[in-house]
Protein backbone atom coordinates (compact mmCIF):
# COMPACT_ATOMS: atom_id res chain seq x y z
CA MET A 1 64.89 69.81 17.94
CA THR A 2 65.94 73.39 18.41
CA LEU A 3 68.83 74.07 15.85
CA LEU A 4 71.41 75.80 17.81
CA PRO A 5 73.32 78.20 15.14
CA LEU A 6 76.90 77.90 16.64
CA ASP A 7 76.54 73.63 16.90
CA ASP A 8 78.68 73.60 14.21
CA ILE A 9 81.43 74.81 15.53
CA THR A 10 83.96 73.94 18.45
CA VAL A 11 86.31 76.21 20.49
CA ILE A 12 89.42 75.12 22.17
CA ASP A 13 89.30 77.77 25.48
CA LEU A 14 92.48 78.52 27.39
CA SER A 15 91.02 81.22 29.47
CA HIS A 16 90.58 82.01 33.01
CA ALA A 17 89.27 84.58 35.26
CA LEU A 18 86.91 86.79 33.21
CA ALA A 19 87.49 88.57 30.39
CA GLY A 20 88.00 85.13 28.18
CA PRO A 21 85.51 82.82 29.92
CA PHE A 22 83.04 85.18 29.21
CA ALA A 23 83.51 85.14 25.76
CA SER A 24 83.25 81.89 25.34
CA THR A 25 79.79 81.54 27.44
CA MET A 26 78.38 83.59 25.04
CA LEU A 27 79.38 81.31 22.17
CA GLY A 28 78.50 78.35 24.52
CA ASP A 29 75.19 79.53 24.90
CA PHE A 30 74.24 79.36 21.36
CA GLY A 31 75.54 75.88 20.85
CA ALA A 32 79.10 75.97 20.23
CA ARG A 33 81.28 73.04 21.94
CA ILE A 34 83.27 74.48 24.56
CA ILE A 35 86.35 72.18 25.65
CA LYS A 36 87.79 74.19 28.53
CA ILE A 37 90.83 73.37 28.78
CA GLU A 38 92.63 74.04 32.41
CA PRO A 39 95.71 72.94 34.33
CA PRO A 40 95.64 70.37 37.06
CA GLY A 41 95.24 72.87 39.47
CA GLY A 42 92.21 74.52 37.61
CA ASP A 43 91.00 78.03 36.74
CA ILE A 44 92.03 80.36 39.24
CA ALA A 45 88.25 81.64 39.64
CA ARG A 46 87.75 78.47 41.25
CA ALA A 47 88.79 79.96 44.13
CA TRP A 48 86.96 82.56 43.65
CA GLY A 49 84.63 82.30 46.58
CA PRO A 50 82.73 83.51 48.84
CA PRO A 51 79.52 83.19 48.31
CA PHE A 52 78.59 79.79 47.10
CA TYR A 53 75.98 78.14 46.10
CA GLY A 54 76.53 74.21 48.19
CA SER A 55 80.26 73.92 47.86
CA GLU A 56 81.18 76.08 44.47
CA PRO A 57 81.72 79.95 44.38
CA SER A 58 79.22 81.39 42.95
CA TYR A 59 81.10 83.26 40.44
CA PHE A 60 81.95 80.34 38.55
CA VAL A 61 78.74 78.22 38.45
CA GLY A 62 77.13 81.88 36.56
CA LEU A 63 79.91 82.09 34.38
CA HIS A 64 81.12 78.44 32.75
CA ARG A 65 77.53 77.04 31.76
CA ASN A 66 77.38 74.93 28.96
CA LYS A 67 81.40 73.87 29.03
CA GLN A 68 83.68 70.99 29.11
CA SER A 69 86.21 70.37 31.52
CA VAL A 70 89.53 69.00 30.12
CA VAL A 71 92.54 68.85 32.35
CA ILE A 72 96.13 69.08 30.76
CA ASP A 73 99.51 69.61 31.39
CA PHE A 74 101.15 71.89 28.96
CA LYS A 75 104.30 71.35 30.59
CA HIS A 76 104.06 68.15 29.90
CA ALA A 77 104.79 67.22 26.01
CA GLU A 78 102.03 64.80 25.53
CA GLY A 79 100.27 67.20 27.24
CA LYS A 80 100.53 69.69 24.25
CA ALA A 81 100.75 66.23 21.73
CA LEU A 82 96.91 66.58 22.90
CA PHE A 83 96.50 70.19 22.20
CA TRP A 84 97.61 70.15 18.73
CA LYS A 85 95.02 66.94 18.18
CA LEU A 86 92.27 68.80 18.99
CA VAL A 87 93.17 72.01 17.60
CA GLU A 88 92.93 70.27 14.33
CA GLN A 89 89.66 69.91 14.63
CA ALA A 90 88.79 72.95 15.94
CA ASP A 91 87.65 76.34 14.60
CA VAL A 92 88.63 78.65 17.90
CA VAL A 93 91.72 78.94 20.29
CA LEU A 94 90.33 81.52 23.14
CA GLU A 95 93.13 82.66 25.47
CA ASN A 96 94.01 85.18 28.06
CA TYR A 97 97.54 84.35 29.25
CA ARG A 98 99.26 87.79 29.50
CA VAL A 99 101.10 88.84 26.16
CA GLY A 100 104.06 86.51 25.28
CA VAL A 101 103.14 83.35 26.94
CA ILE A 102 101.14 81.36 25.25
CA ASP A 103 104.14 81.83 22.34
CA LYS A 104 106.49 81.13 25.21
CA LEU A 105 104.38 78.16 25.64
CA GLY A 106 104.80 77.32 21.94
CA LEU A 107 100.69 76.96 21.38
CA GLY A 108 101.05 80.27 19.60
CA TYR A 109 98.69 81.54 16.65
CA GLU A 110 102.14 81.03 14.17
CA ALA A 111 102.06 77.38 15.40
CA GLY A 112 98.71 76.51 15.44
CA ARG A 113 98.27 78.02 11.80
CA ALA A 114 100.65 75.95 10.20
CA ARG A 115 98.70 72.76 11.94
CA ASN A 116 95.36 73.82 10.92
CA PRO A 117 95.17 77.29 8.35
CA ARG A 118 91.35 77.44 9.44
CA ILE A 119 92.00 78.45 12.81
CA ILE A 120 90.93 81.54 14.75
CA TYR A 121 93.34 82.38 18.15
CA CYS A 122 91.17 84.74 19.99
CA SER A 123 93.54 87.17 22.35
CA VAL A 124 92.45 89.09 24.90
CA SER A 125 94.90 91.21 27.26
CA GLY A 126 94.77 94.62 29.17
CA PHE A 127 96.25 96.56 26.52
CA GLY A 128 96.60 94.26 23.27
CA GLN A 129 99.17 92.49 21.91
CA THR A 130 101.45 95.23 20.54
CA GLY A 131 102.88 98.83 22.02
CA PRO A 132 105.05 99.90 25.03
CA TYR A 133 102.08 98.91 27.17
CA ARG A 134 101.95 95.54 25.78
CA ASP A 135 103.50 93.67 28.30
CA ARG A 136 101.81 95.14 31.17
CA ALA A 137 100.23 92.79 33.71
CA ALA A 138 96.32 93.71 33.83
CA LEU A 139 93.36 93.12 35.37
CA ASP A 140 90.35 94.82 35.17
CA LEU A 141 90.71 97.69 38.00
CA ILE A 142 94.00 98.76 36.13
CA LEU A 143 91.69 99.38 32.93
CA GLN A 144 89.05 101.03 34.24
CA ALA A 145 91.78 103.64 35.65
CA GLU A 146 94.12 103.79 32.54
CA SER A 147 91.31 104.22 29.90
CA GLY A 148 89.91 107.22 32.05
CA MET A 149 86.22 105.28 33.07
CA MET A 150 86.92 105.52 36.99
CA SER A 151 87.73 109.26 35.70
CA VAL A 152 84.30 109.82 34.68
CA THR A 153 83.06 107.27 37.22
CA GLY A 154 81.72 108.69 40.12
CA GLU A 155 79.82 111.86 42.41
CA GLU A 156 80.70 114.94 40.89
CA GLY A 157 83.26 116.35 43.22
CA GLY A 158 84.83 113.66 44.24
CA ARG A 159 86.78 110.79 43.24
CA GLY A 160 87.02 108.39 40.34
CA VAL A 161 85.39 105.17 41.68
CA ARG A 162 85.52 101.63 39.56
CA ALA A 163 82.02 100.62 38.36
CA GLY A 164 80.12 98.18 40.36
CA VAL A 165 80.90 95.38 38.36
CA SER A 166 84.13 94.12 36.03
CA ILE A 167 83.03 96.26 33.14
CA ALA A 168 86.58 96.16 31.30
CA ASP A 169 86.88 92.63 31.43
CA LEU A 170 83.16 92.52 30.51
CA THR A 171 83.11 94.17 27.24
CA ALA A 172 86.84 92.82 26.64
CA GLY A 173 84.58 89.44 26.36
CA MET A 174 81.62 90.86 24.34
CA TYR A 175 84.56 92.03 21.82
CA ALA A 176 85.73 89.06 21.53
CA ALA A 177 82.90 86.82 21.04
CA TYR A 178 82.00 89.23 18.25
CA GLY A 179 85.91 89.64 16.91
CA ILE A 180 85.52 85.75 17.05
CA MET A 181 81.98 85.49 14.94
CA THR A 182 83.12 88.35 12.82
CA ALA A 183 86.16 86.25 12.08
CA LEU A 184 84.53 83.10 11.26
CA HIS A 185 82.39 84.72 9.04
CA ALA A 186 85.65 85.93 7.01
CA ARG A 187 86.26 82.55 6.78
CA GLY A 188 83.59 81.26 5.14
CA ARG A 189 84.40 83.69 2.30
CA THR A 190 88.45 82.98 2.22
CA GLY A 191 88.85 79.73 3.98
CA ARG A 192 91.83 81.11 6.15
CA GLY A 193 91.72 81.56 9.83
CA GLN A 194 93.22 84.51 11.49
CA LEU A 195 94.58 86.11 15.02
CA VAL A 196 91.36 87.86 16.71
CA ASP A 197 93.40 90.67 19.17
CA VAL A 198 91.10 92.22 22.07
CA SER A 199 92.36 94.92 24.12
CA MET A 200 90.73 95.78 27.12
CA LEU A 201 91.87 99.35 27.03
CA GLU A 202 90.29 99.47 23.39
CA GLY A 203 86.95 98.22 24.62
CA GLN A 204 86.66 101.02 27.51
CA LEU A 205 87.37 103.37 25.11
CA SER A 206 85.02 102.69 22.51
CA LEU A 207 82.23 102.80 25.51
CA LEU A 208 84.13 105.88 26.35
CA GLN A 209 83.13 107.27 22.61
CA THR A 210 81.10 109.83 22.91
CA VAL A 211 83.46 111.69 26.42
CA VAL A 212 86.41 110.84 24.44
CA CYS A 213 84.74 113.13 21.55
CA ALA A 214 82.82 115.66 23.52
CA TYR A 215 86.96 116.46 25.08
CA LEU A 216 87.73 116.51 21.79
CA GLY A 217 85.14 118.64 20.71
CA ASP A 218 85.68 121.15 23.57
CA GLY A 219 89.06 120.64 25.17
CA LYS A 220 87.44 120.40 28.40
CA VAL A 221 88.38 117.29 30.91
CA PRO A 222 84.95 115.29 31.59
CA GLY A 223 84.59 114.52 35.32
CA PRO A 224 82.05 112.26 37.32
CA MET A 225 78.71 113.63 37.35
CA GLY A 226 76.71 111.28 39.61
CA THR A 227 74.35 109.77 38.12
CA ALA A 228 73.80 112.92 35.52
CA TYR A 229 74.82 113.38 31.87
CA LYS A 230 76.33 116.28 30.64
CA ALA A 231 74.86 116.08 27.32
CA LEU A 232 71.08 115.95 28.05
CA LEU A 233 68.54 117.65 31.04
CA PRO A 234 67.40 116.18 33.38
CA TYR A 235 68.55 113.17 32.90
CA GLN A 236 69.71 111.76 36.68
CA THR A 237 68.40 110.85 39.48
CA PHE A 238 66.35 112.68 42.12
CA ARG A 239 65.30 111.87 46.01
CA THR A 240 61.67 111.83 46.51
CA LYS A 241 59.52 111.71 50.01
CA THR A 242 59.92 107.83 49.74
CA GLN A 243 62.86 106.84 47.57
CA ASP A 244 65.00 107.51 44.95
CA LEU A 245 64.10 108.00 41.60
CA ALA A 246 65.89 108.26 37.84
CA LEU A 247 64.77 110.08 35.54
CA ALA A 248 65.44 110.47 31.76
CA VAL A 249 63.79 113.48 29.66
CA GLY A 250 65.74 112.86 26.56
CA SER A 251 63.84 115.42 24.10
CA GLU A 252 62.78 118.51 23.82
CA LYS A 253 58.92 117.11 22.88
CA LEU A 254 59.25 115.33 26.59
CA TRP A 255 60.57 119.04 28.01
CA LYS A 256 57.34 119.97 27.40
CA ASP A 257 55.06 116.93 28.17
CA PHE A 258 57.11 117.11 30.85
CA CYS A 259 56.77 120.43 32.63
CA PRO A 260 52.66 120.73 33.18
CA LEU A 261 52.90 117.11 34.64
CA ILE A 262 54.96 117.98 37.72
CA GLY A 263 53.04 120.92 37.99
CA ALA A 264 55.64 123.63 36.42
CA PRO A 265 54.04 124.09 33.52
CA GLU A 266 56.31 127.56 33.19
CA MET A 267 59.54 125.66 33.21
CA THR A 268 58.68 125.25 29.38
CA SER A 269 58.89 129.08 28.77
CA ASP A 270 61.66 129.73 30.94
CA PRO A 271 64.73 131.49 29.19
CA ARG A 272 66.80 129.35 31.87
CA TRP A 273 65.82 125.90 30.66
CA HIS A 274 63.33 126.33 27.71
CA ASN A 275 65.83 124.01 25.55
CA ASN A 276 68.54 121.87 26.48
CA ALA A 277 71.59 123.71 25.61
CA ALA A 278 69.85 126.37 28.14
CA ARG A 279 69.31 123.86 30.89
CA GLY A 280 72.92 123.19 30.50
CA LYS A 281 74.23 126.25 31.08
CA ASN A 282 71.84 126.78 34.26
CA ARG A 283 72.27 123.08 35.51
CA GLU A 284 72.38 124.15 38.95
CA SER A 285 69.26 126.02 39.26
CA LEU A 286 67.54 123.48 37.39
CA ILE A 287 68.00 120.35 39.09
CA ALA A 288 67.28 122.55 42.35
CA ARG A 289 63.96 123.45 41.58
CA LEU A 290 63.42 119.79 39.89
CA GLN A 291 64.84 118.15 43.31
CA GLU A 292 62.15 120.56 45.03
CA ILE A 293 59.23 119.23 43.76
CA PHE A 294 59.88 115.88 43.35
CA LEU A 295 60.19 116.09 47.54
CA THR A 296 56.55 116.84 47.34
CA LYS A 297 55.61 113.19 47.15
CA SER A 298 56.07 109.69 47.09
CA TYR A 299 58.27 107.71 44.28
CA ASP A 300 54.40 105.36 43.73
CA GLU A 301 53.14 108.94 43.32
CA TRP A 302 55.16 110.09 40.42
CA GLU A 303 55.14 106.69 38.82
CA ALA A 304 51.35 106.92 38.30
CA ILE A 305 51.53 110.45 37.28
CA LEU A 306 54.79 110.47 34.80
CA VAL A 307 54.92 106.75 33.62
CA PRO A 308 51.77 106.22 31.60
CA ALA A 309 52.45 109.84 29.88
CA GLY A 310 55.74 108.19 28.42
CA ILE A 311 58.13 110.13 30.57
CA PRO A 312 60.87 107.80 30.92
CA MET A 313 61.25 106.97 34.63
CA GLY A 314 62.40 104.32 37.08
CA ALA A 315 63.63 102.61 40.32
CA ILE A 316 66.83 102.46 41.33
CA ASN A 317 66.07 98.74 42.35
CA THR A 318 68.91 97.05 44.85
CA ILE A 319 69.55 93.27 43.45
CA ASP A 320 67.10 91.61 45.55
CA ARG A 321 64.27 93.88 43.92
CA VAL A 322 65.57 92.95 40.30
CA VAL A 323 65.69 89.34 41.17
CA GLU A 324 61.86 89.25 41.75
CA HIS A 325 60.58 92.24 39.13
CA PRO A 326 58.66 91.27 37.02
CA GLN A 327 59.77 91.29 33.66
CA VAL A 328 62.59 89.66 34.64
CA LYS A 329 59.90 87.14 35.69
CA ALA A 330 57.61 87.46 32.68
CA ARG A 331 61.04 86.80 30.61
CA ASN A 332 62.69 84.13 32.26
CA VAL A 333 65.54 85.61 32.69
CA LEU A 334 66.95 83.94 35.49
CA VAL A 335 66.74 80.25 35.10
CA GLU A 336 67.91 77.45 37.11
CA CYS A 337 70.02 74.24 36.13
CA GLU A 338 71.23 71.32 38.48
CA HIS A 339 74.97 71.30 39.22
CA PRO A 340 76.30 68.21 40.39
CA THR A 341 77.99 69.54 43.97
CA ALA A 342 76.01 72.68 43.92
CA GLY A 343 72.60 71.28 43.65
CA LYS A 344 70.02 73.91 41.85
CA ALA A 345 71.59 76.65 40.71
CA ARG A 346 70.02 80.35 39.32
CA VAL A 347 71.83 81.70 36.50
CA VAL A 348 71.46 84.58 33.96
CA ALA A 349 70.15 83.20 31.06
CA PRO A 350 71.54 84.41 27.58
CA PRO A 351 70.52 88.08 27.03
CA VAL A 352 69.98 87.96 23.20
CA ARG A 353 67.04 86.21 22.19
CA LEU A 354 66.59 84.43 18.90
CA SER A 355 63.20 83.62 17.14
CA GLU A 356 63.81 80.92 15.54
CA THR A 357 67.56 79.32 17.03
CA PRO A 358 67.10 80.35 20.56
CA GLY A 359 70.26 79.96 23.03
CA GLY A 360 70.15 78.49 26.70
CA VAL A 361 71.50 77.05 29.60
CA ARG A 362 72.33 73.49 28.90
CA THR A 363 74.04 72.37 31.04
CA PRO A 364 75.62 73.66 34.41
CA ALA A 365 79.15 74.82 35.11
CA PRO A 366 81.58 71.87 35.08
CA LEU A 367 83.63 70.15 37.46
CA LEU A 368 87.27 70.59 37.23
CA GLY A 369 88.54 67.26 34.37
CA GLN A 370 85.18 66.24 34.20
CA HIS A 371 84.89 65.76 30.84
CA THR A 372 88.86 64.60 30.33
CA ASP A 373 87.62 60.99 29.11
CA ASP A 374 84.76 61.82 27.45
CA VAL A 375 86.77 65.09 24.87
CA LEU A 376 89.68 62.61 24.40
CA ARG A 377 87.15 59.58 23.43
CA GLU A 378 85.28 61.45 21.39
CA ARG A 379 87.50 64.03 19.36
CA LEU A 380 91.03 61.91 19.36
CA GLY A 381 89.46 58.60 19.72
CA LEU A 382 91.26 57.42 22.59
CA ASP A 383 90.81 54.17 25.07
CA ASP A 384 90.63 53.56 28.25
CA ALA A 385 94.19 52.65 28.30
CA GLU A 386 95.50 54.77 26.65
CA ILE A 387 93.86 57.62 28.77
CA GLU A 388 95.03 55.91 31.69
CA ARG A 389 98.64 56.26 30.38
CA LEU A 390 98.24 59.40 30.11
CA ARG A 391 96.68 60.13 33.48
CA SER A 392 99.73 57.90 34.97
CA ILE A 393 102.58 60.38 33.34
CA GLY A 394 100.51 63.02 34.08
CA ALA A 395 100.21 65.01 30.97
CA VAL A 396 95.95 64.68 31.85
CA GLY A 397 94.37 64.81 35.00
CA ARG A 398 91.26 63.61 36.28
């Protein structure tokens, strides 16, 4: 049996929607036991469809593999008591309620630490646990706007647009998983848990670091540039006779190799374009000349010329092409799992490859409350009669 590197870690996952669940998925893929505690109505994302796998929203099926679902009603005193019993045996509590809600429920970090000094709480929020914006409701779109991410995304001269994925949520989820792992490592040295405060705003700013530093360096407010990149040229997409290609000439050596390949060796010594600084000052004339050249051949013709020479280029694939991509197939990036109601479902495998202790998709997304009885029996030692009693009074669900 393959060792799973986090199989000695138990996470009590109170999170919902995307940011928190993405973090617990990352941990679960590598063996952490994820006990997903849901309210009687379930995670709000269980209703986020279409599209569907069978009767299940594809959004939920793709995100929640390797987890157990337990339904507990925190409005019920005995429901809270069950939570604390689980916390006493756990390593991590993950939550992304609106700031202050978990404390109002009486389930916050200070109360948890009093019961289990080794517990790590990770709180994911829009703006963080402190500061004047801490109480603001925040979804991904709001943070893409507030952080400045939208202001640099979109076509040049146009209005900023939302990224094609919920990048503020996903980035916060990755930082949450990173923060939890860092806190677990620290606990191994100190024996104490701690609070991990993850802000979607700061996650976006970390991605925008080069843009922020560019503004601090020259005082010019960055705007959207379409597929282009301010620091390097040419670094954007171009039209060909057949389909667009993405081109990234990232060094002066590549530029000197590139120009003869496209039939324009004189461009390497042209004072307007001979180095990256000059190309930046004369961006408009450079892009116009390159676009003129690329329209003389098809994408396949350019690929045959540039790729063997080591020039970074690629196709702008639609998702239907990506799932059939030869590299995606060769690396088994999409894996199949059998869901109890959705049937066979393909999901994206863990993107981190470990040679000795690999992660994987071991179980599909759970049905609501599917593991309530199992967890209460195995973790807390409750018998069937006690579980039925708790169910009859509404402390737990099915």
